[in-house]
Amino acid sequence: MRGAVVVAAIAAVPPTLAAVLTFLQARAANRRTAQQDALGVARALGDLQGTVGRVEASVERIDQGVVELRERVARLEGARPARARS
């Protein structure tokens, strides 16, 4: 009986070891994939932040132009004679 148990244990070691090694390899591959995905997302987020910054700068320039235009119109309206305003 002891011999059968020893033979069974010896026979069970290689498949079990192979399963454990395969599991560890799969986890390592998943971690690498997750890190690569995270780097891609971080890169895309950085690009998006740069684009948003450029859009904000453009909107700020347009806003400044509108303010200057309003000031010019207000000066012109103020310079017109009272009769021409009606």
PDB file of N, CA and C in Angstrom:
ATOM      1  N   MET A   1       0.820  -1.188   0.000  1.00  0.00           N
ATOM      2  CA  MET A   1       0.000   0.000   0.000  1.00  0.00           C
ATOM      3  C   MET A   1       0.866   1.255   0.000  1.00  0.00           C
ATOM      4  N   ARG A   2       1.929   1.200   0.794  1.00  0.00           N
ATOM      5  CA  ARG A   2       2.812   2.369   0.845  1.00  0.00           C
ATOM      6  C   ARG A   2       3.425   2.651  -0.514  1.00  0.00           C
ATOM      7  N   GLY A   3       3.798   1.644  -1.191  1.00  0.00           N
ATOM      8  CA  GLY A   3       4.414   1.786  -2.511  1.00  0.00           C
ATOM      9  C   GLY A   3       3.463   2.461  -3.486  1.00  0.00           C
ATOM     10  N   ALA A   4       2.179   2.112  -3.415  1.00  0.00           N
ATOM     11  CA  ALA A   4       1.183   2.705  -4.311  1.00  0.00           C
ATOM     12  C   ALA A   4       1.017   4.194  -4.020  1.00  0.00           C
ATOM     13  N   VAL A   5       1.045   4.560  -2.755  1.00  0.00           N
ATOM     14  CA  VAL A   5       0.908   5.970  -2.365  1.00  0.00           C
ATOM     15  C   VAL A   5       2.124   6.758  -2.838  1.00  0.00           C
ATOM     16  N   VAL A   6       3.288   6.213  -2.683  1.00  0.00           N
ATOM     17  CA  VAL A   6       4.512   6.885  -3.118  1.00  0.00           C
ATOM     18  C   VAL A   6       4.510   7.044  -4.635  1.00  0.00           C
ATOM     19  N   VAL A   7       4.112   6.012  -5.339  1.00  0.00           N
ATOM     20  CA  VAL A   7       4.061   6.084  -6.801  1.00  0.00           C
ATOM     21  C   VAL A   7       3.030   7.121  -7.238  1.00  0.00           C
ATOM     22  N   ALA A   8       1.868   7.161  -6.570  1.00  0.00           N
ATOM     23  CA  ALA A   8       0.824   8.137  -6.902  1.00  0.00           C
ATOM     24  C   ALA A   8       1.317   9.556  -6.625  1.00  0.00           C
ATOM     25  N   ALA A   9       2.005   9.745  -5.523  1.00  0.00           N
ATOM     26  CA  ALA A   9       2.527  11.080  -5.191  1.00  0.00           C
ATOM     27  C   ALA A   9       3.565  11.516  -6.211  1.00  0.00           C
ATOM     28  N   ILE A  10       4.441  10.613  -6.579  1.00  0.00           N
ATOM     29  CA  ILE A  10       5.469  10.947  -7.571  1.00  0.00           C
ATOM     30  C   ILE A  10       4.820  11.242  -8.920  1.00  0.00           C
ATOM     31  N   ALA A  11       3.796  10.520  -9.265  1.00  0.00           N
ATOM     32  CA  ALA A  11       3.114  10.735 -10.539  1.00  0.00           C
ATOM     33  C   ALA A  11       2.331  12.057 -10.543  1.00  0.00           C
ATOM     34  N   ALA A  12       1.891  12.499  -9.392  1.00  0.00           N
ATOM     35  CA  ALA A  12       1.087  13.727  -9.309  1.00  0.00           C
ATOM     36  C   ALA A  12       1.949  14.987  -9.325  1.00  0.00           C
ATOM     37  N   VAL A  13       3.207  14.896  -9.003  1.00  0.00           N
ATOM     38  CA  VAL A  13       4.072  16.080  -8.903  1.00  0.00           C
ATOM     39  C   VAL A  13       4.242  16.811 -10.244  1.00  0.00           C
ATOM     40  N   PRO A  14       4.599  16.171 -11.342  1.00  0.00           N
ATOM     41  CA  PRO A  14       4.830  16.918 -12.582  1.00  0.00           C
ATOM     42  C   PRO A  14       3.603  17.707 -13.085  1.00  0.00           C
ATOM     43  N   PRO A  15       2.404  17.107 -13.134  1.00  0.00           N
ATOM     44  CA  PRO A  15       1.272  17.906 -13.600  1.00  0.00           C
ATOM     45  C   PRO A  15       0.933  19.064 -12.654  1.00  0.00           C
ATOM     46  N   THR A  16       1.084  18.813 -11.367  1.00  0.00           N
ATOM     47  CA  THR A  16       0.807  19.872 -10.396  1.00  0.00           C
ATOM     48  C   THR A  16       1.817  20.994 -10.538  1.00  0.00           C
ATOM     49  N   LEU A  17       3.076  20.642 -10.670  1.00  0.00           N
ATOM     50  CA  LEU A  17       4.124  21.642 -10.859  1.00  0.00           C
ATOM     51  C   LEU A  17       3.894  22.415 -12.160  1.00  0.00           C
ATOM     52  N   ALA A  18       3.495  21.716 -13.200  1.00  0.00           N
ATOM     53  CA  ALA A  18       3.222  22.385 -14.476  1.00  0.00           C
ATOM     54  C   ALA A  18       2.050  23.361 -14.342  1.00  0.00           C
ATOM     55  N   ALA A  19       1.018  22.959 -13.611  1.00  0.00           N
ATOM     56  CA  ALA A  19      -0.143  23.838 -13.413  1.00  0.00           C
ATOM     57  C   ALA A  19       0.247  25.081 -12.623  1.00  0.00           C
ATOM     58  N   VAL A  20       1.049  24.913 -11.588  1.00  0.00           N
ATOM     59  CA  VAL A  20       1.487  26.056 -10.778  1.00  0.00           C
ATOM     60  C   VAL A  20       2.341  27.008 -11.617  1.00  0.00           C
ATOM     61  N   LEU A  21       3.275  26.474 -12.377  1.00  0.00           N
ATOM     62  CA  LEU A  21       4.132  27.313 -13.221  1.00  0.00           C
ATOM     63  C   LEU A  21       3.310  28.035 -14.296  1.00  0.00           C
ATOM     64  N   THR A  22       2.333  27.363 -14.868  1.00  0.00           N
ATOM     65  CA  THR A  22       1.473  27.987 -15.872  1.00  0.00           C
ATOM     66  C   THR A  22       0.664  29.124 -15.253  1.00  0.00           C
ATOM     67  N   PHE A  23       0.152  28.887 -14.052  1.00  0.00           N
ATOM     68  CA  PHE A  23      -0.602  29.928 -13.344  1.00  0.00           C
ATOM     69  C   PHE A  23       0.268  31.153 -13.075  1.00  0.00           C
ATOM     70  N   LEU A  24       1.486  30.918 -12.601  1.00  0.00           N
ATOM     71  CA  LEU A  24       2.393  32.036 -12.310  1.00  0.00           C
ATOM     72  C   LEU A  24       2.758  32.795 -13.584  1.00  0.00           C
ATOM     73  N   GLN A  25       2.970  32.085 -14.668  1.00  0.00           N
ATOM     74  CA  GLN A  25       3.284  32.724 -15.942  1.00  0.00           C
ATOM     75  C   GLN A  25       2.104  33.562 -16.440  1.00  0.00           C
ATOM     76  N   ALA A  26       0.904  33.039 -16.286  1.00  0.00           N
ATOM     77  CA  ALA A  26      -0.293  33.778 -16.714  1.00  0.00           C
ATOM     78  C   ALA A  26      -0.460  35.050 -15.895  1.00  0.00           C
ATOM     79  N   ARG A  27      -0.215  34.980 -14.606  1.00  0.00           N
ATOM     80  CA  ARG A  27      -0.301  36.180 -13.759  1.00  0.00           C
ATOM     81  C   ARG A  27       0.723  37.220 -14.173  1.00  0.00           C
ATOM     82  N   ALA A  28       1.939  36.772 -14.460  1.00  0.00           N
ATOM     83  CA  ALA A  28       2.983  37.707 -14.883  1.00  0.00           C
ATOM     84  C   ALA A  28       2.601  38.366 -16.216  1.00  0.00           C
ATOM     85  N   ALA A  29       2.043  37.588 -17.127  1.00  0.00           N
ATOM     86  CA  ALA A  29       1.620  38.141 -18.417  1.00  0.00           C
ATOM     87  C   ALA A  29       0.491  39.151 -18.226  1.00  0.00           C
ATOM     88  N   ASN A  30      -0.434  38.835 -17.333  1.00  0.00           N
ATOM     89  CA  ASN A  30      -1.531  39.780 -17.054  1.00  0.00           C
ATOM     90  C   ASN A  30      -1.004  41.077 -16.441  1.00  0.00           C
ATOM     91  N   ARG A  31      -0.036  40.963 -15.573  1.00  0.00           N
ATOM     92  CA  ARG A  31       0.547  42.169 -14.966  1.00  0.00           C
ATOM     93  C   ARG A  31       1.250  43.028 -16.022  1.00  0.00           C
ATOM     94  N   ARG A  32       2.002  42.393 -16.913  1.00  0.00           N
ATOM     95  CA  ARG A  32       2.675  43.142 -17.982  1.00  0.00           C
ATOM     96  C   ARG A  32       1.660  43.841 -18.874  1.00  0.00           C
ATOM     97  N   THR A  33       0.607  43.133 -19.222  1.00  0.00           N
ATOM     98  CA  THR A  33      -0.432  43.712 -20.068  1.00  0.00           C
ATOM     99  C   THR A  33      -1.098  44.894 -19.362  1.00  0.00           C
ATOM    100  N   ALA A  34      -1.390  44.739 -18.086  1.00  0.00           N
ATOM    101  CA  ALA A  34      -2.014  45.821 -17.323  1.00  0.00           C
ATOM    102  C   ALA A  34      -1.094  47.038 -17.243  1.00  0.00           C
ATOM    103  N   GLN A  35       0.203  46.810 -17.067  1.00  0.00           N
ATOM    104  CA  GLN A  35       1.149  47.925 -17.021  1.00  0.00           C
ATOM    105  C   GLN A  35       1.227  48.633 -18.363  1.00  0.00           C
ATOM    106  N   GLN A  36       1.243  47.872 -19.440  1.00  0.00           N
ATOM    107  CA  GLN A  36       1.284  48.477 -20.772  1.00  0.00           C
ATOM    108  C   GLN A  36       0.007  49.274 -21.040  1.00  0.00           C
ATOM    109  N   ASP A  37      -1.126  48.729 -20.626  1.00  0.00           N
ATOM    110  CA  ASP A  37      -2.392  49.441 -20.801  1.00  0.00           C
ATOM    111  C   ASP A  37      -2.394  50.731 -19.980  1.00  0.00           C
ATOM    112  N   ALA A  38      -1.873  50.654 -18.769  1.00  0.00           N
ATOM    113  CA  ALA A  38      -1.820  51.840 -17.912  1.00  0.00           C
ATOM    114  C   ALA A  38      -0.915  52.910 -18.523  1.00  0.00           C
ATOM    115  N   LEU A  39       0.201  52.503 -19.116  1.00  0.00           N
ATOM    116  CA  LEU A  39       1.086  53.461 -19.767  1.00  0.00           C
ATOM    117  C   LEU A  39       0.395  54.111 -20.961  1.00  0.00           C
ATOM    118  N   GLY A  40      -0.353  53.316 -21.725  1.00  0.00           N
ATOM    119  CA  GLY A  40      -1.096  53.862 -22.859  1.00  0.00           C
ATOM    120  C   GLY A  40      -2.154  54.855 -22.419  1.00  0.00           C
ATOM    121  N   VAL A  41      -2.853  54.532 -21.350  1.00  0.00           N
ATOM    122  CA  VAL A  41      -3.878  55.435 -20.830  1.00  0.00           C
ATOM    123  C   VAL A  41      -3.231  56.714 -20.296  1.00  0.00           C
ATOM    124  N   ALA A  42      -2.117  56.580 -19.605  1.00  0.00           N
ATOM    125  CA  ALA A  42      -1.420  57.761 -19.082  1.00  0.00           C
ATOM    126  C   ALA A  42      -0.938  58.650 -20.221  1.00  0.00           C
ATOM    127  N   ARG A  43      -0.427  58.040 -21.278  1.00  0.00           N
ATOM    128  CA  ARG A  43       0.029  58.807 -22.435  1.00  0.00           C
ATOM    129  C   ARG A  43      -1.151  59.538 -23.092  1.00  0.00           C
ATOM    130  N   ALA A  44      -2.263  58.838 -23.251  1.00  0.00           N
ATOM    131  CA  ALA A  44      -3.456  59.442 -23.848  1.00  0.00           C
ATOM    132  C   ALA A  44      -3.982  60.568 -22.969  1.00  0.00           C
ATOM    133  N   LEU A  45      -3.944  60.378 -21.665  1.00  0.00           N
ATOM    134  CA  LEU A  45      -4.394  61.414 -20.744  1.00  0.00           C
ATOM    135  C   LEU A  45      -3.495  62.641 -20.834  1.00  0.00           C
ATOM    136  N   GLY A  46      -2.196  62.427 -20.957  1.00  0.00           N
ATOM    137  CA  GLY A  46      -1.265  63.547 -21.120  1.00  0.00           C
ATOM    138  C   GLY A  46      -1.544  64.311 -22.410  1.00  0.00           C
ATOM    139  N   ASP A  47      -1.801  63.573 -23.493  1.00  0.00           N
ATOM    140  CA  ASP A  47      -2.147  64.227 -24.765  1.00  0.00           C
ATOM    141  C   ASP A  47      -3.437  65.029 -24.627  1.00  0.00           C
ATOM    142  N   LEU A  48      -4.406  64.442 -23.947  1.00  0.00           N
ATOM    143  CA  LEU A  48      -5.689  65.122 -23.750  1.00  0.00           C
ATOM    144  C   LEU A  48      -5.514  66.395 -22.924  1.00  0.00           C
ATOM    145  N   GLN A  49      -4.681  66.341 -21.904  1.00  0.00           N
ATOM    146  CA  GLN A  49      -4.434  67.525 -21.084  1.00  0.00           C
ATOM    147  C   GLN A  49      -3.776  68.622 -21.913  1.00  0.00           C
ATOM    148  N   GLY A  50      -2.848  68.238 -22.780  1.00  0.00           N
ATOM    149  CA  GLY A  50      -2.212  69.218 -23.658  1.00  0.00           C
ATOM    150  C   GLY A  50      -3.217  69.852 -24.604  1.00  0.00           C
ATOM    151  N   THR A  51      -4.107  69.040 -25.155  1.00  0.00           N
ATOM    152  CA  THR A  51      -5.128  69.549 -26.069  1.00  0.00           C
ATOM    153  C   THR A  51      -6.080  70.483 -25.336  1.00  0.00           C
ATOM    154  N   VAL A  52      -6.494  70.104 -24.152  1.00  0.00           N
ATOM    155  CA  VAL A  52      -7.386  70.964 -23.359  1.00  0.00           C
ATOM    156  C   VAL A  52      -6.692  72.285 -23.042  1.00  0.00           C
ATOM    157  N   GLY A  53      -5.410  72.233 -22.744  1.00  0.00           N
ATOM    158  CA  GLY A  53      -4.662  73.467 -22.472  1.00  0.00           C
ATOM    159  C   GLY A  53      -4.640  74.387 -23.683  1.00  0.00           C
ATOM    160  N   ARG A  54      -4.453  73.804 -24.865  1.00  0.00           N
ATOM    161  CA  ARG A  54      -4.461  74.622 -26.087  1.00  0.00           C
ATOM    162  C   ARG A  54      -5.846  75.209 -26.352  1.00  0.00           C
ATOM    163  N   VAL A  55      -6.881  74.421 -26.106  1.00  0.00           N
ATOM    164  CA  VAL A  55      -8.250  74.926 -26.296  1.00  0.00           C
ATOM    165  C   VAL A  55      -8.534  76.049 -25.310  1.00  0.00           C
ATOM    166  N   GLU A  56      -8.115  75.882 -24.068  1.00  0.00           N
ATOM    167  CA  GLU A  56      -8.312  76.937 -23.066  1.00  0.00           C
ATOM    168  C   GLU A  56      -7.598  78.219 -23.481  1.00  0.00           C
ATOM    169  N   ALA A  57      -6.387  78.098 -23.999  1.00  0.00           N
ATOM    170  CA  ALA A  57      -5.648  79.282 -24.447  1.00  0.00           C
ATOM    171  C   ALA A  57      -6.372  79.951 -25.610  1.00  0.00           C
ATOM    172  N   SER A  58      -6.906  79.164 -26.528  1.00  0.00           N
ATOM    173  CA  SER A  58      -7.648  79.733 -27.658  1.00  0.00           C
ATOM    174  C   SER A  58      -8.900  80.447 -27.188  1.00  0.00           C
ATOM    175  N   VAL A  59      -9.623  79.827 -26.270  1.00  0.00           N
ATOM    176  CA  VAL A  59     -10.839  80.447 -25.743  1.00  0.00           C
ATOM    177  C   VAL A  59     -10.493  81.734 -25.012  1.00  0.00           C
ATOM    178  N   GLU A  60      -9.400  81.733 -24.292  1.00  0.00           N
ATOM    179  CA  GLU A  60      -8.973  82.939 -23.576  1.00  0.00           C
ATOM    180  C   GLU A  60      -8.646  84.073 -24.557  1.00  0.00           C
ATOM    181  N   ARG A  61      -7.965  83.749 -25.654  1.00  0.00           N
ATOM    182  CA  ARG A  61      -7.666  84.770 -26.668  1.00  0.00           C
ATOM    183  C   ARG A  61      -8.945  85.305 -27.298  1.00  0.00           C
ATOM    184  N   ILE A  62      -9.888  84.414 -27.591  1.00  0.00           N
ATOM    185  CA  ILE A  62     -11.162  84.852 -28.171  1.00  0.00           C
ATOM    186  C   ILE A  62     -11.913  85.727 -27.179  1.00  0.00           C
ATOM    187  N   ASP A  63     -11.921  85.327 -25.928  1.00  0.00           N
ATOM    188  CA  ASP A  63     -12.599  86.109 -24.889  1.00  0.00           C
ATOM    189  C   ASP A  63     -11.977  87.499 -24.771  1.00  0.00           C
ATOM    190  N   GLN A  64     -10.645  87.565 -24.817  1.00  0.00           N
ATOM    191  CA  GLN A  64      -9.971  88.857 -24.747  1.00  0.00           C
ATOM    192  C   GLN A  64     -10.343  89.718 -25.950  1.00  0.00           C
ATOM    193  N   GLY A  65     -10.443  89.110 -27.131  1.00  0.00           N
ATOM    194  CA  GLY A  65     -10.842  89.848 -28.326  1.00  0.00           C
ATOM    195  C   GLY A  65     -12.265  90.380 -28.209  1.00  0.00           C
ATOM    196  N   VAL A  66     -13.158  89.589 -27.646  1.00  0.00           N
ATOM    197  CA  VAL A  66     -14.542  90.036 -27.463  1.00  0.00           C
ATOM    198  C   VAL A  66     -14.592  91.204 -26.479  1.00  0.00           C
ATOM    199  N   VAL A  67     -13.822  91.126 -25.410  1.00  0.00           N
ATOM    200  CA  VAL A  67     -13.793  92.217 -24.425  1.00  0.00           C
ATOM    201  C   VAL A  67     -13.286  93.501 -25.087  1.00  0.00           C
ATOM    202  N   GLU A  68     -12.208  93.382 -25.866  1.00  0.00           N
ATOM    203  CA  GLU A  68     -11.670  94.565 -26.545  1.00  0.00           C
ATOM    204  C   GLU A  68     -12.685  95.125 -27.537  1.00  0.00           C
ATOM    205  N   LEU A  69     -13.382  94.256 -28.240  1.00  0.00           N
ATOM    206  CA  LEU A  69     -14.399  94.703 -29.200  1.00  0.00           C
ATOM    207  C   LEU A  69     -15.543  95.398 -28.484  1.00  0.00           C
ATOM    208  N   ARG A  70     -15.981  94.892 -27.369  1.00  0.00           N
ATOM    209  CA  ARG A  70     -17.044  95.541 -26.591  1.00  0.00           C
ATOM    210  C   ARG A  70     -16.611  96.926 -26.126  1.00  0.00           C
ATOM    211  N   GLU A  71     -15.360  97.024 -25.686  1.00  0.00           N
ATOM    212  CA  GLU A  71     -14.859  98.324 -25.233  1.00  0.00           C
ATOM    213  C   GLU A  71     -14.835  99.323 -26.384  1.00  0.00           C
ATOM    214  N   ARG A  72     -14.406  98.888 -27.567  1.00  0.00           N
ATOM    215  CA  ARG A  72     -14.378  99.785 -28.726  1.00  0.00           C
ATOM    216  C   ARG A  72     -15.786 100.229 -29.109  1.00  0.00           C
ATOM    217  N   VAL A  73     -16.734  99.278 -29.105  1.00  0.00           N
ATOM    218  CA  VAL A  73     -18.120  99.620 -29.439  1.00  0.00           C
ATOM    219  C   VAL A  73     -18.679 100.592 -28.407  1.00  0.00           C
ATOM    220  N   ALA A  74     -18.382 100.368 -27.148  1.00  0.00           N
ATOM    221  CA  ALA A  74     -18.875 101.272 -26.099  1.00  0.00           C
ATOM    222  C   ALA A  74     -18.296 102.673 -26.286  1.00  0.00           C
ATOM    223  N   ARG A  75     -17.009 102.768 -26.638  1.00  0.00           N
ATOM    224  CA  ARG A  75     -16.417 104.095 -26.869  1.00  0.00           C
ATOM    225  C   ARG A  75     -17.064 104.772 -28.065  1.00  0.00           C
ATOM    226  N   LEU A  76     -17.283 103.997 -29.134  1.00  0.00           N
ATOM    227  CA  LEU A  76     -17.923 104.573 -30.320  1.00  0.00           C
ATOM    228  C   LEU A  76     -19.349 105.015 -30.019  1.00  0.00           C
ATOM    229  N   GLU A  77     -20.087 104.226 -29.282  1.00  0.00           N
ATOM    230  CA  GLU A  77     -21.455 104.595 -28.913  1.00  0.00           C
ATOM    231  C   GLU A  77     -21.460 105.831 -28.022  1.00  0.00           C
ATOM    232  N   GLY A  78     -20.480 105.917 -27.140  1.00  0.00           N
ATOM    233  CA  GLY A  78     -20.398 107.082 -26.257  1.00  0.00           C
ATOM    234  C   GLY A  78     -19.991 108.338 -27.010  1.00  0.00           C
ATOM    235  N   ALA A  79     -19.256 108.186 -28.101  1.00  0.00           N
ATOM    236  CA  ALA A  79     -18.788 109.344 -28.867  1.00  0.00           C
ATOM    237  C   ALA A  79     -19.854 109.860 -29.831  1.00  0.00           C
ATOM    238  N   ARG A  80     -20.862 109.093 -30.151  1.00  0.00           N
ATOM    239  CA  ARG A  80     -21.918 109.542 -31.055  1.00  0.00           C
ATOM    240  C   ARG A  80     -22.755 110.633 -30.395  1.00  0.00           C
ATOM    241  N   PRO A  81     -23.228 111.576 -31.183  1.00  0.00           N
ATOM    242  CA  PRO A  81     -24.106 112.612 -30.617  1.00  0.00           C
ATOM    243  C   PRO A  81     -25.401 111.995 -30.100  1.00  0.00           C
ATOM    244  N   ALA A  82     -26.017 112.660 -29.141  1.00  0.00           N
ATOM    245  CA  ALA A  82     -27.236 112.151 -28.497  1.00  0.00           C
ATOM    246  C   ALA A  82     -28.339 111.970 -29.523  1.00  0.00           C
ATOM    247  N   ARG A  83     -28.446 112.812 -30.504  1.00  0.00           N
ATOM    248  CA  ARG A  83     -29.501 112.724 -31.499  1.00  0.00           C
ATOM    249  C   ARG A  83     -29.342 111.479 -32.377  1.00  0.00           C
ATOM    250  N   ALA A  84     -28.143 111.095 -32.669  1.00  0.00           N
ATOM    251  CA  ALA A  84     -27.897 109.959 -33.545  1.00  0.00           C
ATOM    252  C   ALA A  84     -28.156 108.630 -32.831  1.00  0.00           C
ATOM    253  N   ARG A  85     -28.224 108.673 -31.523  1.00  0.00           N
ATOM    254  CA  ARG A  85     -28.438 107.438 -30.750  1.00  0.00           C
ATOM    255  C   ARG A  85     -29.879 106.961 -30.851  1.00  0.00           C
ATOM    256  N   SER A  86     -30.820 107.817 -31.081  1.00  0.00           N
ATOM    257  CA  SER A  86     -32.231 107.429 -31.064  1.00  0.00           C
ATOM    258  C   SER A  86     -32.612 106.571 -32.206  1.00  0.00           C
TER     259      SER A  86
END
